[in-house]
Amino acid sequence: MEAALRLARVAAVREEVPVGAVVCRDGDILAEAHNETILRNDATAHAELLAIQRAIEKVGESRLTRSTLYVTLEPCTQCAGAIILSKIERVVFGAWDPRAGMAGSVHDLLRHPRLNHRPEVVGGVMEDECGALLKRFFLARR
């Protein structure tokens, strides 16, 4: 989570919403990313999605079994879908997202009983640090 938080800080400096994500397997980082929605002028360029795409490219297969995604903010619908489709085994996130979170806040898409893949989900890891970074970012813009 510390690596994801470091990436979130980079995003904030670049005036992106400060979210960072890291995909790991067997203790190694496969890929990492931070939000790039402004840089790419692309609303879908979320940290989780970019990290998943980079990890898939690195391993050369569409499934990221045996992998863990660490992300500083609870995944949204788009990112939850990518997590499910890529078969990530475990998701660890920092701050809860009461407006768009799909791991229990708004809905729990990641663990929906009708889906054929449901990753293990651990929320609230380094929640204070992740949440404070987001709060400072949005306060500075109001």
N, C-alpha and C. Protein backbone atom coordinates (compact mmCIF):
# COMPACT_ATOMS: atom_id res chain seq x y z
N MET A 1 0.83 -1.20 0.00
CA MET A 1 0.00 0.00 0.00
C MET A 1 0.87 1.26 0.00
N GLU A 2 2.04 1.17 0.61
CA GLU A 2 2.93 2.33 0.61
C GLU A 2 3.34 2.73 -0.80
N ALA A 3 3.58 1.75 -1.67
CA ALA A 3 3.93 2.06 -3.07
C ALA A 3 2.75 2.73 -3.77
N ALA A 4 1.55 2.26 -3.52
CA ALA A 4 0.35 2.88 -4.12
C ALA A 4 0.17 4.30 -3.61
N LEU A 5 0.42 4.52 -2.34
CA LEU A 5 0.30 5.87 -1.76
C LEU A 5 1.35 6.81 -2.35
N ARG A 6 2.55 6.30 -2.57
CA ARG A 6 3.59 7.11 -3.22
C ARG A 6 3.13 7.55 -4.61
N LEU A 7 2.52 6.64 -5.36
CA LEU A 7 2.00 6.96 -6.70
C LEU A 7 0.86 7.98 -6.62
N ALA A 8 0.02 7.85 -5.61
CA ALA A 8 -1.08 8.81 -5.43
C ALA A 8 -0.53 10.21 -5.19
N ARG A 9 0.56 10.31 -4.45
CA ARG A 9 1.18 11.61 -4.22
C ARG A 9 1.71 12.21 -5.52
N VAL A 10 2.28 11.36 -6.38
CA VAL A 10 2.74 11.83 -7.70
C VAL A 10 1.55 12.36 -8.50
N ALA A 11 0.44 11.64 -8.45
CA ALA A 11 -0.76 12.08 -9.17
C ALA A 11 -1.19 13.46 -8.69
N ALA A 12 -1.18 13.68 -7.39
CA ALA A 12 -1.60 14.97 -6.83
C ALA A 12 -0.71 16.10 -7.34
N VAL A 13 0.59 15.87 -7.39
CA VAL A 13 1.51 16.88 -7.90
C VAL A 13 1.19 17.20 -9.36
N ARG A 14 0.74 16.21 -10.09
CA ARG A 14 0.39 16.40 -11.51
C ARG A 14 -1.06 16.86 -11.69
N GLU A 15 -1.69 17.24 -10.58
CA GLU A 15 -3.07 17.73 -10.56
C GLU A 15 -4.10 16.70 -11.01
N GLU A 16 -3.78 15.45 -10.83
CA GLU A 16 -4.72 14.35 -11.04
C GLU A 16 -5.33 14.00 -9.68
N VAL A 17 -6.53 13.43 -9.68
CA VAL A 17 -7.09 12.93 -8.42
C VAL A 17 -6.09 11.92 -7.87
N PRO A 18 -5.65 12.10 -6.62
CA PRO A 18 -4.55 11.30 -6.09
C PRO A 18 -4.93 9.87 -5.72
N VAL A 19 -4.92 9.02 -6.73
CA VAL A 19 -5.15 7.59 -6.54
C VAL A 19 -3.98 6.85 -7.18
N GLY A 20 -3.43 5.91 -6.45
CA GLY A 20 -2.34 5.07 -6.95
C GLY A 20 -2.72 3.61 -6.83
N ALA A 21 -2.18 2.78 -7.74
CA ALA A 21 -2.48 1.36 -7.73
C ALA A 21 -1.23 0.55 -8.10
N VAL A 22 -1.10 -0.61 -7.48
CA VAL A 22 0.02 -1.51 -7.72
C VAL A 22 -0.52 -2.93 -7.82
N VAL A 23 -0.09 -3.67 -8.85
CA VAL A 23 -0.45 -5.08 -9.00
C VAL A 23 0.78 -5.89 -8.63
N CYS A 24 0.62 -6.82 -7.69
CA CYS A 24 1.72 -7.66 -7.22
C CYS A 24 1.39 -9.13 -7.42
N ARG A 25 2.44 -9.92 -7.63
CA ARG A 25 2.31 -11.37 -7.69
C ARG A 25 3.57 -11.98 -7.10
N ASP A 26 3.38 -12.93 -6.20
CA ASP A 26 4.50 -13.62 -5.56
C ASP A 26 5.50 -12.64 -4.93
N GLY A 27 4.97 -11.56 -4.35
CA GLY A 27 5.81 -10.60 -3.67
C GLY A 27 6.49 -9.58 -4.56
N ASP A 28 6.31 -9.68 -5.86
CA ASP A 28 6.93 -8.75 -6.80
C ASP A 28 5.89 -7.81 -7.39
N ILE A 29 6.29 -6.57 -7.65
CA ILE A 29 5.41 -5.63 -8.32
C ILE A 29 5.43 -5.93 -9.82
N LEU A 30 4.26 -6.25 -10.35
CA LEU A 30 4.12 -6.48 -11.79
C LEU A 30 3.94 -5.16 -12.54
N ALA A 31 3.14 -4.25 -11.95
CA ALA A 31 2.84 -2.99 -12.60
C ALA A 31 2.32 -2.01 -11.58
N GLU A 32 2.45 -0.73 -11.92
CA GLU A 32 1.95 0.32 -11.05
C GLU A 32 1.47 1.48 -11.91
N ALA A 33 0.59 2.29 -11.33
CA ALA A 33 0.06 3.44 -12.06
C ALA A 33 -0.61 4.39 -11.08
N HIS A 34 -0.83 5.60 -11.55
CA HIS A 34 -1.66 6.56 -10.84
C HIS A 34 -2.68 7.09 -11.84
N ASN A 35 -3.70 7.77 -11.34
CA ASN A 35 -4.70 8.34 -12.24
C ASN A 35 -4.04 9.20 -13.30
N GLU A 36 -4.54 9.10 -14.53
CA GLU A 36 -4.04 9.90 -15.64
C GLU A 36 -5.20 10.44 -16.48
N THR A 37 -6.32 10.71 -15.85
CA THR A 37 -7.50 11.16 -16.60
C THR A 37 -7.28 12.52 -17.26
N ILE A 38 -6.59 13.41 -16.58
CA ILE A 38 -6.34 14.74 -17.15
C ILE A 38 -5.24 14.65 -18.21
N LEU A 39 -4.16 13.98 -17.89
CA LEU A 39 -3.05 13.83 -18.83
C LEU A 39 -3.51 13.24 -20.16
N ARG A 40 -4.35 12.21 -20.09
CA ARG A 40 -4.81 11.52 -21.29
C ARG A 40 -6.12 12.08 -21.85
N ASN A 41 -6.73 13.01 -21.11
CA ASN A 41 -8.06 13.50 -21.48
C ASN A 41 -9.00 12.31 -21.70
N ASP A 42 -9.01 11.42 -20.69
CA ASP A 42 -9.72 10.15 -20.79
C ASP A 42 -10.30 9.82 -19.41
N ALA A 43 -11.60 9.88 -19.28
CA ALA A 43 -12.27 9.62 -18.01
C ALA A 43 -12.05 8.20 -17.50
N THR A 44 -11.62 7.29 -18.36
CA THR A 44 -11.41 5.90 -17.95
C THR A 44 -9.98 5.61 -17.49
N ALA A 45 -9.10 6.59 -17.52
CA ALA A 45 -7.69 6.37 -17.20
C ALA A 45 -7.45 6.37 -15.69
N HIS A 46 -8.16 5.48 -14.99
CA HIS A 46 -8.01 5.33 -13.55
C HIS A 46 -6.78 4.50 -13.23
N ALA A 47 -6.22 4.72 -12.05
CA ALA A 47 -5.01 4.03 -11.63
C ALA A 47 -5.15 2.51 -11.72
N GLU A 48 -6.27 1.98 -11.23
CA GLU A 48 -6.46 0.53 -11.24
C GLU A 48 -6.45 -0.03 -12.66
N LEU A 49 -7.19 0.63 -13.54
CA LEU A 49 -7.29 0.15 -14.91
C LEU A 49 -5.93 0.18 -15.60
N LEU A 50 -5.19 1.26 -15.43
CA LEU A 50 -3.87 1.37 -16.05
C LEU A 50 -2.90 0.33 -15.49
N ALA A 51 -2.93 0.12 -14.17
CA ALA A 51 -2.05 -0.88 -13.56
C ALA A 51 -2.41 -2.29 -14.05
N ILE A 52 -3.70 -2.58 -14.16
CA ILE A 52 -4.13 -3.88 -14.65
C ILE A 52 -3.67 -4.08 -16.10
N GLN A 53 -3.85 -3.07 -16.94
CA GLN A 53 -3.43 -3.16 -18.34
C GLN A 53 -1.93 -3.39 -18.44
N ARG A 54 -1.16 -2.70 -17.64
CA ARG A 54 0.30 -2.86 -17.67
C ARG A 54 0.72 -4.23 -17.17
N ALA A 55 0.04 -4.73 -16.14
CA ALA A 55 0.36 -6.06 -15.63
C ALA A 55 0.03 -7.14 -16.66
N ILE A 56 -1.10 -7.01 -17.32
CA ILE A 56 -1.48 -7.96 -18.36
C ILE A 56 -0.45 -7.97 -19.48
N GLU A 57 -0.01 -6.79 -19.87
CA GLU A 57 1.01 -6.69 -20.92
C GLU A 57 2.31 -7.36 -20.48
N LYS A 58 2.68 -7.17 -19.22
CA LYS A 58 3.93 -7.73 -18.71
C LYS A 58 3.90 -9.25 -18.66
N VAL A 59 2.78 -9.82 -18.17
CA VAL A 59 2.73 -11.28 -18.04
C VAL A 59 2.31 -11.97 -19.33
N GLY A 60 1.75 -11.21 -20.27
CA GLY A 60 1.39 -11.77 -21.56
C GLY A 60 0.15 -12.64 -21.57
N GLU A 61 -0.71 -12.42 -20.60
CA GLU A 61 -1.97 -13.16 -20.56
C GLU A 61 -3.03 -12.27 -19.93
N SER A 62 -4.29 -12.53 -20.26
CA SER A 62 -5.38 -11.65 -19.82
C SER A 62 -5.83 -11.87 -18.38
N ARG A 63 -5.36 -12.93 -17.78
CA ARG A 63 -5.77 -13.23 -16.40
C ARG A 63 -4.62 -13.01 -15.44
N LEU A 64 -4.92 -12.31 -14.38
CA LEU A 64 -3.92 -12.00 -13.36
C LEU A 64 -4.16 -12.82 -12.10
N THR A 65 -4.36 -14.12 -12.29
CA THR A 65 -4.55 -15.01 -11.14
C THR A 65 -3.31 -14.93 -10.25
N ARG A 66 -3.51 -15.24 -8.98
CA ARG A 66 -2.45 -15.18 -7.98
C ARG A 66 -1.92 -13.77 -7.75
N SER A 67 -2.68 -12.75 -8.19
CA SER A 67 -2.23 -11.37 -8.05
C SER A 67 -3.07 -10.61 -7.03
N THR A 68 -2.44 -9.60 -6.47
CA THR A 68 -3.10 -8.69 -5.54
C THR A 68 -3.01 -7.29 -6.10
N LEU A 69 -4.13 -6.58 -6.05
CA LEU A 69 -4.16 -5.17 -6.43
C LEU A 69 -4.23 -4.34 -5.16
N TYR A 70 -3.28 -3.44 -4.99
CA TYR A 70 -3.29 -2.48 -3.89
C TYR A 70 -3.67 -1.14 -4.49
N VAL A 71 -4.69 -0.48 -3.94
CA VAL A 71 -5.14 0.80 -4.47
C VAL A 71 -5.55 1.70 -3.30
N THR A 72 -5.29 2.98 -3.44
CA THR A 72 -5.51 3.91 -2.33
C THR A 72 -6.95 4.30 -2.11
N LEU A 73 -7.83 4.01 -3.09
CA LEU A 73 -9.25 4.35 -2.97
C LEU A 73 -10.09 3.16 -3.41
N GLU A 74 -11.17 2.94 -2.73
CA GLU A 74 -12.10 1.86 -3.08
C GLU A 74 -12.46 1.94 -4.57
N PRO A 75 -12.35 0.83 -5.29
CA PRO A 75 -12.60 0.84 -6.74
C PRO A 75 -14.03 1.23 -7.12
N CYS A 76 -14.12 1.93 -8.25
CA CYS A 76 -15.42 2.32 -8.82
C CYS A 76 -15.97 1.16 -9.66
N THR A 77 -17.11 1.37 -10.29
CA THR A 77 -17.74 0.34 -11.10
C THR A 77 -16.83 -0.13 -12.23
N GLN A 78 -16.26 0.82 -12.97
CA GLN A 78 -15.38 0.47 -14.09
C GLN A 78 -14.21 -0.39 -13.62
N CYS A 79 -13.56 0.04 -12.55
CA CYS A 79 -12.38 -0.66 -12.07
C CYS A 79 -12.73 -2.00 -11.44
N ALA A 80 -13.87 -2.05 -10.76
CA ALA A 80 -14.33 -3.34 -10.22
C ALA A 80 -14.57 -4.33 -11.35
N GLY A 81 -15.15 -3.87 -12.45
CA GLY A 81 -15.36 -4.74 -13.60
C GLY A 81 -14.04 -5.26 -14.16
N ALA A 82 -13.05 -4.39 -14.28
CA ALA A 82 -11.73 -4.81 -14.78
C ALA A 82 -11.07 -5.80 -13.82
N ILE A 83 -11.24 -5.59 -12.54
CA ILE A 83 -10.68 -6.51 -11.53
C ILE A 83 -11.30 -7.89 -11.69
N ILE A 84 -12.61 -7.93 -11.83
CA ILE A 84 -13.32 -9.20 -11.97
C ILE A 84 -12.92 -9.90 -13.27
N LEU A 85 -12.92 -9.16 -14.36
CA LEU A 85 -12.60 -9.77 -15.66
C LEU A 85 -11.15 -10.25 -15.75
N SER A 86 -10.24 -9.59 -15.06
CA SER A 86 -8.84 -10.01 -15.10
C SER A 86 -8.51 -11.08 -14.05
N LYS A 87 -9.51 -11.45 -13.26
CA LYS A 87 -9.37 -12.54 -12.27
C LYS A 87 -8.33 -12.26 -11.19
N ILE A 88 -8.20 -10.99 -10.81
CA ILE A 88 -7.31 -10.66 -9.70
C ILE A 88 -7.83 -11.35 -8.46
N GLU A 89 -6.93 -11.97 -7.73
CA GLU A 89 -7.32 -12.79 -6.58
C GLU A 89 -7.69 -11.99 -5.34
N ARG A 90 -7.00 -10.86 -5.16
CA ARG A 90 -7.18 -10.11 -3.91
C ARG A 90 -7.09 -8.61 -4.20
N VAL A 91 -7.96 -7.84 -3.55
CA VAL A 91 -7.95 -6.38 -3.66
C VAL A 91 -7.79 -5.80 -2.26
N VAL A 92 -6.80 -4.94 -2.11
CA VAL A 92 -6.55 -4.25 -0.85
C VAL A 92 -6.63 -2.76 -1.14
N PHE A 93 -7.54 -2.07 -0.46
CA PHE A 93 -7.67 -0.63 -0.71
C PHE A 93 -7.61 0.17 0.58
N GLY A 94 -7.32 1.46 0.41
CA GLY A 94 -7.17 2.36 1.54
C GLY A 94 -8.47 3.01 1.94
N ALA A 95 -8.78 4.15 1.33
CA ALA A 95 -9.95 4.94 1.71
C ALA A 95 -11.22 4.38 1.09
N TRP A 96 -12.29 4.43 1.84
CA TRP A 96 -13.62 4.07 1.34
C TRP A 96 -14.14 5.22 0.48
N ASP A 97 -14.95 4.90 -0.52
CA ASP A 97 -15.51 5.93 -1.41
C ASP A 97 -17.03 5.90 -1.32
N PRO A 98 -17.61 6.73 -0.44
CA PRO A 98 -19.07 6.68 -0.24
C PRO A 98 -19.88 7.15 -1.44
N ARG A 99 -19.23 7.74 -2.44
CA ARG A 99 -19.95 8.22 -3.63
C ARG A 99 -19.91 7.26 -4.80
N ALA A 100 -18.86 6.45 -4.90
CA ALA A 100 -18.72 5.59 -6.08
C ALA A 100 -18.14 4.21 -5.78
N GLY A 101 -17.89 3.90 -4.52
CA GLY A 101 -17.22 2.65 -4.16
C GLY A 101 -18.04 1.39 -4.43
N MET A 102 -17.37 0.44 -5.06
CA MET A 102 -18.03 -0.82 -5.42
C MET A 102 -17.48 -2.02 -4.67
N ALA A 103 -16.94 -1.76 -3.48
CA ALA A 103 -16.47 -2.85 -2.63
C ALA A 103 -17.16 -2.77 -1.27
N GLY A 104 -18.37 -2.20 -1.27
CA GLY A 104 -19.14 -2.15 -0.05
C GLY A 104 -19.76 -0.81 0.27
N SER A 105 -19.24 0.28 -0.28
CA SER A 105 -19.79 1.60 0.07
C SER A 105 -21.12 1.87 -0.62
N VAL A 106 -21.12 1.95 -1.93
CA VAL A 106 -22.36 2.17 -2.68
C VAL A 106 -23.02 0.83 -2.98
N HIS A 107 -22.19 -0.10 -3.39
CA HIS A 107 -22.63 -1.46 -3.71
C HIS A 107 -21.41 -2.35 -3.55
N ASP A 108 -21.59 -3.65 -3.59
CA ASP A 108 -20.44 -4.56 -3.47
C ASP A 108 -20.34 -5.42 -4.72
N LEU A 109 -20.00 -4.80 -5.83
CA LEU A 109 -19.85 -5.50 -7.10
C LEU A 109 -18.73 -6.54 -7.03
N LEU A 110 -17.65 -6.23 -6.33
CA LEU A 110 -16.53 -7.16 -6.28
C LEU A 110 -16.89 -8.51 -5.67
N ARG A 111 -17.87 -8.51 -4.79
CA ARG A 111 -18.25 -9.78 -4.13
C ARG A 111 -19.69 -10.17 -4.43
N HIS A 112 -20.20 -9.70 -5.55
CA HIS A 112 -21.59 -10.02 -5.90
C HIS A 112 -21.74 -11.53 -6.08
N PRO A 113 -22.72 -12.15 -5.43
CA PRO A 113 -22.84 -13.61 -5.43
C PRO A 113 -23.13 -14.23 -6.81
N ARG A 114 -23.64 -13.46 -7.74
CA ARG A 114 -23.95 -14.04 -9.05
C ARG A 114 -22.77 -14.03 -10.02
N LEU A 115 -21.69 -13.40 -9.65
CA LEU A 115 -20.53 -13.35 -10.53
C LEU A 115 -19.69 -14.62 -10.39
N ASN A 116 -19.02 -14.98 -11.48
CA ASN A 116 -18.22 -16.21 -11.45
C ASN A 116 -16.85 -16.01 -10.82
N HIS A 117 -16.44 -14.77 -10.61
CA HIS A 117 -15.17 -14.50 -9.93
C HIS A 117 -15.40 -13.42 -8.88
N ARG A 118 -14.98 -13.72 -7.66
CA ARG A 118 -15.12 -12.78 -6.56
C ARG A 118 -13.79 -12.74 -5.80
N PRO A 119 -13.05 -11.66 -5.96
CA PRO A 119 -11.77 -11.58 -5.25
C PRO A 119 -11.97 -11.37 -3.75
N GLU A 120 -10.97 -11.75 -3.01
CA GLU A 120 -10.92 -11.39 -1.59
C GLU A 120 -10.75 -9.87 -1.54
N VAL A 121 -11.44 -9.22 -0.62
CA VAL A 121 -11.37 -7.76 -0.52
C VAL A 121 -11.01 -7.37 0.92
N VAL A 122 -10.02 -6.50 1.04
CA VAL A 122 -9.63 -5.96 2.34
C VAL A 122 -9.64 -4.44 2.19
N GLY A 123 -10.50 -3.77 2.94
CA GLY A 123 -10.61 -2.32 2.86
C GLY A 123 -10.11 -1.63 4.10
N GLY A 124 -9.77 -0.36 3.97
CA GLY A 124 -9.36 0.45 5.11
C GLY A 124 -7.90 0.34 5.48
N VAL A 125 -7.06 -0.21 4.60
CA VAL A 125 -5.63 -0.32 4.89
C VAL A 125 -4.97 1.04 4.66
N MET A 126 -4.34 1.57 5.67
CA MET A 126 -3.75 2.92 5.64
C MET A 126 -4.82 3.94 5.26
N GLU A 127 -6.03 3.69 5.74
CA GLU A 127 -7.19 4.53 5.42
C GLU A 127 -6.97 6.00 5.75
N ASP A 128 -6.39 6.28 6.91
CA ASP A 128 -6.20 7.68 7.31
C ASP A 128 -5.28 8.41 6.34
N GLU A 129 -4.16 7.79 5.97
CA GLU A 129 -3.21 8.42 5.06
C GLU A 129 -3.82 8.62 3.68
N CYS A 130 -4.47 7.59 3.17
CA CYS A 130 -5.09 7.67 1.83
C CYS A 130 -6.21 8.70 1.80
N GLY A 131 -7.04 8.69 2.82
CA GLY A 131 -8.16 9.62 2.89
C GLY A 131 -7.70 11.06 3.06
N ALA A 132 -6.66 11.28 3.86
CA ALA A 132 -6.14 12.64 4.09
C ALA A 132 -5.60 13.23 2.80
N LEU A 133 -4.92 12.43 2.01
CA LEU A 133 -4.39 12.91 0.74
C LEU A 133 -5.52 13.36 -0.19
N LEU A 134 -6.56 12.57 -0.26
CA LEU A 134 -7.72 12.94 -1.09
C LEU A 134 -8.41 14.19 -0.56
N LYS A 135 -8.59 14.29 0.76
CA LYS A 135 -9.25 15.46 1.35
C LYS A 135 -8.46 16.74 1.08
N ARG A 136 -7.14 16.67 1.26
CA ARG A 136 -6.30 17.85 0.99
C ARG A 136 -6.40 18.27 -0.48
N PHE A 137 -6.39 17.29 -1.36
CA PHE A 137 -6.48 17.57 -2.80
C PHE A 137 -7.76 18.31 -3.14
N PHE A 138 -8.90 17.81 -2.66
CA PHE A 138 -10.18 18.42 -3.01
C PHE A 138 -10.42 19.74 -2.27
N LEU A 139 -9.92 19.87 -1.06
CA LEU A 139 -10.04 21.14 -0.34
C LEU A 139 -9.29 22.25 -1.08
N ALA A 140 -8.16 21.93 -1.65
CA ALA A 140 -7.35 22.92 -2.37
C ALA A 140 -8.05 23.39 -3.65
N ARG A 141 -9.00 22.61 -4.15
CA ARG A 141 -9.70 22.97 -5.38
C ARG A 141 -11.03 23.65 -5.16
N ARG A 142 -11.45 23.77 -3.94
CA ARG A 142 -12.75 24.40 -3.64
C ARG A 142 -12.62 25.85 -3.33
